[in-house]
Amino acid sequence: MDASLEKKIIETITPLYKKGRDGDWEHILRTVDLCRYLLKHENGDPNIVLPAAYLHDLGWSVVDYADFNAATPLEKTKTISFMQHMEQGAILAGKILNDLSYDETKTREIQRIIKIHDLPETVFKKPNINATLVVEADRLDRYGKTGITRFKTMFGKGKITGPYWEEARQLRKEGLKMWFITPTAGHLAQKLATEMGLFD
């Protein structure tokens, strides 16, 4: 992705992410870095993957996510705000990219990715390496040492012990089978999961 465009995207979205959930901006930066790593080994289009990575969680800045915070890990995907953040994020991403005169065809693909980025089972049914890499990078940020912090932030402060936290751990264990289909992401997920003590 062109460096000047990347700078403009960052300048536009930083204040929006600061209005969203705690830790989302840091998550975005890590997701972009993970996308760059995957792109070195998998055949994706950086002009689609990287903008989508930057923009994928923008919807949280405009929806009420109290229901998401209140839900247990396995219930979060059933909340209203979970679906809304993808739909609203796709709309916001389209507006931002159109304002930057980004390629219309690429913009539409980026919007399609954002609209389903938290539905890996939907993404993986379609042979789209760009969508796959965005989903895998997003999920990889739940693993490793930073992944522990990310999970605690995502699932609410004060809810990180007992059954709640064990449910989150179990979700990540199951995710190793469900969330990664490229060899690069699969190997990295296993490595990070081991490092964080997921199997202890």
C-alpha atoms as a PDB file:
ATOM      1  CA  MET A   1       0.000   0.000   0.000  1.00  0.00           C
ATOM      2  CA  ASP A   2       1.222   3.460  -0.875  1.00  0.00           C
ATOM      3  CA  ALA A   3       2.897   5.126   2.130  1.00  0.00           C
ATOM      4  CA  SER A   4       1.133   8.468   1.656  1.00  0.00           C
ATOM      5  CA  LEU A   5      -2.259   6.757   1.516  1.00  0.00           C
ATOM      6  CA  GLU A   6      -1.425   4.744   4.610  1.00  0.00           C
ATOM      7  CA  LYS A   7      -0.534   7.950   6.453  1.00  0.00           C
ATOM      8  CA  LYS A   8      -3.832   9.553   5.434  1.00  0.00           C
ATOM      9  CA  ILE A   9      -5.802   6.511   6.587  1.00  0.00           C
ATOM     10  CA  ILE A  10      -4.020   6.534   9.947  1.00  0.00           C
ATOM     11  CA  GLU A  11      -4.659  10.254  10.425  1.00  0.00           C
ATOM     12  CA  THR A  12      -8.355   9.754   9.653  1.00  0.00           C
ATOM     13  CA  ILE A  13      -9.047   6.677  11.762  1.00  0.00           C
ATOM     14  CA  THR A  14      -6.935   7.269  14.886  1.00  0.00           C
ATOM     15  CA  PRO A  15      -9.453   9.630  16.556  1.00  0.00           C
ATOM     16  CA  LEU A  16     -12.318   7.296  15.616  1.00  0.00           C
ATOM     17  CA  TYR A  17     -10.683   4.289  17.244  1.00  0.00           C
ATOM     18  CA  LYS A  18      -9.934   6.346  20.346  1.00  0.00           C
ATOM     19  CA  LYS A  19     -13.717   6.797  20.695  1.00  0.00           C
ATOM     20  CA  GLY A  20     -14.315   3.040  20.501  1.00  0.00           C
ATOM     21  CA  ARG A  21     -13.411   0.200  22.828  1.00  0.00           C
ATOM     22  CA  ASP A  22     -10.362   0.269  25.071  1.00  0.00           C
ATOM     23  CA  GLY A  23      -7.362  -1.233  23.326  1.00  0.00           C
ATOM     24  CA  ASP A  24      -8.858  -1.258  19.835  1.00  0.00           C
ATOM     25  CA  TRP A  25      -6.271   1.086  18.297  1.00  0.00           C
ATOM     26  CA  GLU A  26      -3.395  -1.020  19.639  1.00  0.00           C
ATOM     27  CA  HIS A  27      -5.181  -4.110  18.327  1.00  0.00           C
ATOM     28  CA  ILE A  28      -5.432  -2.518  14.879  1.00  0.00           C
ATOM     29  CA  LEU A  29      -1.705  -1.795  14.766  1.00  0.00           C
ATOM     30  CA  ARG A  30      -0.888  -5.376  15.761  1.00  0.00           C
ATOM     31  CA  THR A  31      -3.364  -6.737  13.194  1.00  0.00           C
ATOM     32  CA  VAL A  32      -1.730  -4.672  10.449  1.00  0.00           C
ATOM     33  CA  ASP A  33       1.701  -5.996  11.471  1.00  0.00           C
ATOM     34  CA  LEU A  34       0.350  -9.559  11.428  1.00  0.00           C
ATOM     35  CA  CYS A  35      -1.116  -8.955   7.956  1.00  0.00           C
ATOM     36  CA  ARG A  36       2.276  -7.763   6.744  1.00  0.00           C
ATOM     37  CA  TYR A  37       3.829 -10.962   8.098  1.00  0.00           C
ATOM     38  CA  LEU A  38       1.192 -13.182   6.442  1.00  0.00           C
ATOM     39  CA  LEU A  39       1.567 -11.309   3.152  1.00  0.00           C
ATOM     40  CA  LYS A  40       5.255 -12.238   3.070  1.00  0.00           C
ATOM     41  CA  HIS A  41       4.294 -15.914   2.911  1.00  0.00           C
ATOM     42  CA  GLU A  42       0.789 -15.973   1.397  1.00  0.00           C
ATOM     43  CA  ASN A  43      -0.402 -14.571  -1.925  1.00  0.00           C
ATOM     44  CA  GLY A  44      -2.701 -11.718  -0.901  1.00  0.00           C
ATOM     45  CA  ASP A  45      -3.098  -8.194  -2.271  1.00  0.00           C
ATOM     46  CA  PRO A  46      -1.610  -5.662   0.179  1.00  0.00           C
ATOM     47  CA  ASN A  47      -3.728  -2.926  -1.391  1.00  0.00           C
ATOM     48  CA  ILE A  48      -6.799  -4.740  -0.104  1.00  0.00           C
ATOM     49  CA  VAL A  49      -5.525  -6.583   2.966  1.00  0.00           C
ATOM     50  CA  LEU A  50      -3.779  -3.665   4.681  1.00  0.00           C
ATOM     51  CA  PRO A  51      -6.577  -1.075   4.307  1.00  0.00           C
ATOM     52  CA  ALA A  52      -9.080  -3.692   5.473  1.00  0.00           C
ATOM     53  CA  ALA A  53      -6.899  -4.437   8.484  1.00  0.00           C
ATOM     54  CA  TYR A  54      -6.734  -0.756   9.403  1.00  0.00           C
ATOM     55  CA  LEU A  55     -10.475  -0.237   8.977  1.00  0.00           C
ATOM     56  CA  HIS A  56     -12.032  -3.528  10.084  1.00  0.00           C
ATOM     57  CA  ASP A  57     -13.111  -2.577  13.628  1.00  0.00           C
ATOM     58  CA  LEU A  58     -14.172   1.021  12.971  1.00  0.00           C
ATOM     59  CA  GLY A  59     -17.797   0.101  13.596  1.00  0.00           C
ATOM     60  CA  TRP A  60     -17.195  -0.172  17.334  1.00  0.00           C
ATOM     61  CA  SER A  61     -16.713   3.611  17.376  1.00  0.00           C
ATOM     62  CA  VAL A  62     -20.339   4.236  16.362  1.00  0.00           C
ATOM     63  CA  VAL A  63     -22.364   1.450  18.020  1.00  0.00           C
ATOM     64  CA  ASP A  64     -23.485   0.886  21.596  1.00  0.00           C
ATOM     65  CA  TYR A  65     -21.573  -2.224  22.641  1.00  0.00           C
ATOM     66  CA  ALA A  66     -22.873  -2.598  26.209  1.00  0.00           C
ATOM     67  CA  ASP A  67     -24.557  -5.882  25.229  1.00  0.00           C
ATOM     68  CA  PHE A  68     -21.238  -7.189  23.863  1.00  0.00           C
ATOM     69  CA  ASN A  69     -19.395  -6.304  27.084  1.00  0.00           C
ATOM     70  CA  ALA A  70     -22.071  -7.930  29.221  1.00  0.00           C
ATOM     71  CA  ALA A  71     -22.136 -11.211  27.276  1.00  0.00           C
ATOM     72  CA  THR A  72     -20.000 -14.224  28.099  1.00  0.00           C
ATOM     73  CA  PRO A  73     -17.308 -15.172  25.532  1.00  0.00           C
ATOM     74  CA  LEU A  74     -19.467 -17.758  23.783  1.00  0.00           C
ATOM     75  CA  GLU A  75     -22.493 -15.418  23.713  1.00  0.00           C
ATOM     76  CA  LYS A  76     -20.737 -12.388  22.231  1.00  0.00           C
ATOM     77  CA  THR A  77     -21.339 -13.375  18.611  1.00  0.00           C
ATOM     78  CA  LYS A  78     -25.100 -13.393  19.315  1.00  0.00           C
ATOM     79  CA  THR A  79     -25.254  -9.763  20.438  1.00  0.00           C
ATOM     80  CA  ILE A  80     -26.800  -7.021  18.326  1.00  0.00           C
ATOM     81  CA  SER A  81     -23.701  -4.823  18.461  1.00  0.00           C
ATOM     82  CA  PHE A  82     -21.520  -7.679  17.190  1.00  0.00           C
ATOM     83  CA  MET A  83     -23.320  -7.650  13.841  1.00  0.00           C
ATOM     84  CA  GLN A  84     -23.794  -3.889  13.841  1.00  0.00           C
ATOM     85  CA  HIS A  85     -20.088  -3.160  14.206  1.00  0.00           C
ATOM     86  CA  MET A  86     -19.354  -5.058  10.980  1.00  0.00           C
ATOM     87  CA  GLU A  87     -22.182  -3.429   9.041  1.00  0.00           C
ATOM     88  CA  GLN A  88     -21.417   0.082  10.283  1.00  0.00           C
ATOM     89  CA  GLY A  89     -17.686  -0.483   9.867  1.00  0.00           C
ATOM     90  CA  ALA A  90     -18.169  -1.361   6.197  1.00  0.00           C
ATOM     91  CA  ILE A  91     -20.156   1.841   5.658  1.00  0.00           C
ATOM     92  CA  LEU A  92     -17.552   3.977   7.427  1.00  0.00           C
ATOM     93  CA  ALA A  93     -14.704   2.321   5.530  1.00  0.00           C
ATOM     94  CA  GLY A  94     -16.413   3.035   2.215  1.00  0.00           C
ATOM     95  CA  LYS A  95     -16.859   6.686   3.088  1.00  0.00           C
ATOM     96  CA  ILE A  96     -13.241   7.083   4.197  1.00  0.00           C
ATOM     97  CA  LEU A  97     -11.803   5.349   1.136  1.00  0.00           C
ATOM     98  CA  ASN A  98     -14.105   7.241  -1.231  1.00  0.00           C
ATOM     99  CA  ASP A  99     -13.019  10.533   0.370  1.00  0.00           C
ATOM    100  CA  LEU A 100      -9.418   9.481  -0.305  1.00  0.00           C
ATOM    101  CA  SER A 101     -10.305   8.655  -3.951  1.00  0.00           C
ATOM    102  CA  TYR A 102      -9.323   5.026  -3.466  1.00  0.00           C
ATOM    103  CA  ASP A 103      -9.932   2.516  -6.244  1.00  0.00           C
ATOM    104  CA  GLU A 104     -13.676   1.741  -6.316  1.00  0.00           C
ATOM    105  CA  THR A 105     -13.316  -1.981  -7.003  1.00  0.00           C
ATOM    106  CA  LYS A 106     -10.835  -2.428  -4.164  1.00  0.00           C
ATOM    107  CA  THR A 107     -13.009  -0.312  -1.873  1.00  0.00           C
ATOM    108  CA  ARG A 108     -15.993  -2.585  -2.493  1.00  0.00           C
ATOM    109  CA  GLU A 109     -13.932  -5.687  -1.723  1.00  0.00           C
ATOM    110  CA  ILE A 110     -12.602  -4.087   1.469  1.00  0.00           C
ATOM    111  CA  GLN A 111     -16.179  -3.297   2.509  1.00  0.00           C
ATOM    112  CA  ARG A 112     -17.252  -6.901   1.833  1.00  0.00           C
ATOM    113  CA  ILE A 113     -14.393  -8.170   3.995  1.00  0.00           C
ATOM    114  CA  ILE A 114     -15.223  -5.820   6.870  1.00  0.00           C
ATOM    115  CA  LYS A 115     -18.894  -6.787   6.738  1.00  0.00           C
ATOM    116  CA  ILE A 116     -18.035 -10.439   7.540  1.00  0.00           C
ATOM    117  CA  HIS A 117     -14.601 -10.236   9.179  1.00  0.00           C
ATOM    118  CA  ASP A 118     -15.778 -11.696  12.501  1.00  0.00           C
ATOM    119  CA  LEU A 119     -17.551 -14.603  10.815  1.00  0.00           C
ATOM    120  CA  PRO A 120     -14.635 -16.885   9.891  1.00  0.00           C
ATOM    121  CA  GLU A 121     -16.924 -19.763   8.935  1.00  0.00           C
ATOM    122  CA  THR A 122     -18.514 -17.467   6.332  1.00  0.00           C
ATOM    123  CA  VAL A 123     -15.199 -16.092   5.079  1.00  0.00           C
ATOM    124  CA  PHE A 124     -13.551 -19.487   4.722  1.00  0.00           C
ATOM    125  CA  LYS A 125     -16.388 -20.820   2.568  1.00  0.00           C
ATOM    126  CA  LYS A 126     -15.406 -18.296  -0.099  1.00  0.00           C
ATOM    127  CA  PRO A 127     -12.067 -18.681  -1.931  1.00  0.00           C
ATOM    128  CA  ASN A 128     -10.797 -15.160  -1.149  1.00  0.00           C
ATOM    129  CA  ILE A 129      -7.244 -15.038   0.159  1.00  0.00           C
ATOM    130  CA  ASN A 130      -7.518 -11.340   1.020  1.00  0.00           C
ATOM    131  CA  ALA A 131     -10.490 -11.892   3.339  1.00  0.00           C
ATOM    132  CA  THR A 132      -8.811 -14.970   4.785  1.00  0.00           C
ATOM    133  CA  LEU A 133      -5.633 -13.090   5.704  1.00  0.00           C
ATOM    134  CA  VAL A 134      -7.546 -10.271   7.403  1.00  0.00           C
ATOM    135  CA  VAL A 135      -9.570 -12.754   9.478  1.00  0.00           C
ATOM    136  CA  GLU A 136      -6.482 -14.771  10.391  1.00  0.00           C
ATOM    137  CA  ALA A 137      -4.476 -11.700  11.440  1.00  0.00           C
ATOM    138  CA  ASP A 138      -7.418 -10.426  13.494  1.00  0.00           C
ATOM    139  CA  ARG A 139      -7.714 -13.773  15.305  1.00  0.00           C
ATOM    140  CA  LEU A 140      -3.948 -14.184  15.731  1.00  0.00           C
ATOM    141  CA  ASP A 141      -4.029 -11.139  18.000  1.00  0.00           C
ATOM    142  CA  ARG A 142      -5.864 -13.294  20.560  1.00  0.00           C
ATOM    143  CA  TYR A 143      -2.754 -15.395  21.033  1.00  0.00           C
ATOM    144  CA  GLY A 144       0.703 -14.834  22.489  1.00  0.00           C
ATOM    145  CA  LYS A 145       1.581 -12.561  25.406  1.00  0.00           C
ATOM    146  CA  THR A 146      -0.235  -9.559  23.953  1.00  0.00           C
ATOM    147  CA  GLY A 147      -3.162 -11.851  23.224  1.00  0.00           C
ATOM    148  CA  ILE A 148      -3.750 -12.402  26.934  1.00  0.00           C
ATOM    149  CA  THR A 149      -4.053  -8.653  27.468  1.00  0.00           C
ATOM    150  CA  ARG A 150      -6.249  -8.321  24.390  1.00  0.00           C
ATOM    151  CA  PHE A 151      -8.614 -11.039  25.589  1.00  0.00           C
ATOM    152  CA  LYS A 152      -8.892  -9.464  29.037  1.00  0.00           C
ATOM    153  CA  THR A 153      -9.679  -6.073  27.488  1.00  0.00           C
ATOM    154  CA  MET A 154     -12.198  -7.538  25.030  1.00  0.00           C
ATOM    155  CA  PHE A 155     -14.034  -9.567  27.620  1.00  0.00           C
ATOM    156  CA  GLY A 156     -14.305  -6.850  30.227  1.00  0.00           C
ATOM    157  CA  LYS A 157     -12.300  -5.823  33.245  1.00  0.00           C
ATOM    158  CA  GLY A 158     -13.045  -7.747  36.418  1.00  0.00           C
ATOM    159  CA  LYS A 159     -14.304 -10.799  34.536  1.00  0.00           C
ATOM    160  CA  ILE A 160     -11.054 -12.633  33.994  1.00  0.00           C
ATOM    161  CA  THR A 161     -11.215 -15.373  36.607  1.00  0.00           C
ATOM    162  CA  GLY A 162     -13.307 -18.449  37.233  1.00  0.00           C
ATOM    163  CA  PRO A 163     -15.760 -19.899  34.694  1.00  0.00           C
ATOM    164  CA  TYR A 164     -15.790 -16.753  32.566  1.00  0.00           C
ATOM    165  CA  TRP A 165     -12.056 -16.831  31.911  1.00  0.00           C
ATOM    166  CA  GLU A 166     -12.064 -20.604  31.424  1.00  0.00           C
ATOM    167  CA  GLU A 167     -14.749 -20.174  28.773  1.00  0.00           C
ATOM    168  CA  ALA A 168     -12.517 -17.653  27.015  1.00  0.00           C
ATOM    169  CA  ARG A 169      -9.558 -20.058  27.185  1.00  0.00           C
ATOM    170  CA  GLN A 170     -11.674 -22.837  25.716  1.00  0.00           C
ATOM    171  CA  LEU A 171     -12.814 -20.565  22.903  1.00  0.00           C
ATOM    172  CA  ARG A 172      -9.198 -19.922  21.965  1.00  0.00           C
ATOM    173  CA  LYS A 173      -8.349 -23.628  22.028  1.00  0.00           C
ATOM    174  CA  GLU A 174     -11.227 -24.367  19.673  1.00  0.00           C
ATOM    175  CA  GLY A 175     -10.179 -21.388  17.571  1.00  0.00           C
ATOM    176  CA  LEU A 176      -6.878 -23.051  16.697  1.00  0.00           C
ATOM    177  CA  LYS A 177      -8.881 -25.519  14.599  1.00  0.00           C
ATOM    178  CA  MET A 178     -11.512 -23.098  13.292  1.00  0.00           C
ATOM    179  CA  TRP A 179      -9.790 -19.765  12.681  1.00  0.00           C
ATOM    180  CA  PHE A 180      -6.721 -20.528  10.567  1.00  0.00           C
ATOM    181  CA  ILE A 181      -6.528 -22.191   7.173  1.00  0.00           C
ATOM    182  CA  THR A 182      -3.267 -20.912   5.680  1.00  0.00           C
ATOM    183  CA  PRO A 183      -0.136 -22.811   6.762  1.00  0.00           C
ATOM    184  CA  THR A 184       1.549 -19.568   7.836  1.00  0.00           C
ATOM    185  CA  ALA A 185      -1.242 -18.506  10.196  1.00  0.00           C
ATOM    186  CA  GLY A 186      -1.746 -22.028  11.516  1.00  0.00           C
ATOM    187  CA  HIS A 187       1.913 -22.439  12.471  1.00  0.00           C
ATOM    188  CA  LEU A 188       2.109 -18.992  14.040  1.00  0.00           C
ATOM    189  CA  ALA A 189      -1.098 -19.545  16.035  1.00  0.00           C
ATOM    190  CA  GLN A 190       0.257 -22.795  17.483  1.00  0.00           C
ATOM    191  CA  LYS A 191       3.529 -21.128  18.404  1.00  0.00           C
ATOM    192  CA  LEU A 192       1.833 -18.174  20.107  1.00  0.00           C
ATOM    193  CA  ALA A 193      -0.686 -20.413  21.884  1.00  0.00           C
ATOM    194  CA  THR A 194       2.151 -22.479  23.307  1.00  0.00           C
ATOM    195  CA  GLU A 195       4.079 -19.399  24.393  1.00  0.00           C
ATOM    196  CA  MET A 196       1.087 -18.014  26.275  1.00  0.00           C
ATOM    197  CA  GLY A 197       0.583 -21.280  28.168  1.00  0.00           C
ATOM    198  CA  LEU A 198      -2.783 -22.071  26.599  1.00  0.00           C
ATOM    199  CA  PHE A 199      -2.098 -25.798  26.930  1.00  0.00           C
ATOM    200  CA  ASP A 200      -0.809 -25.690  30.527  1.00  0.00           C
END
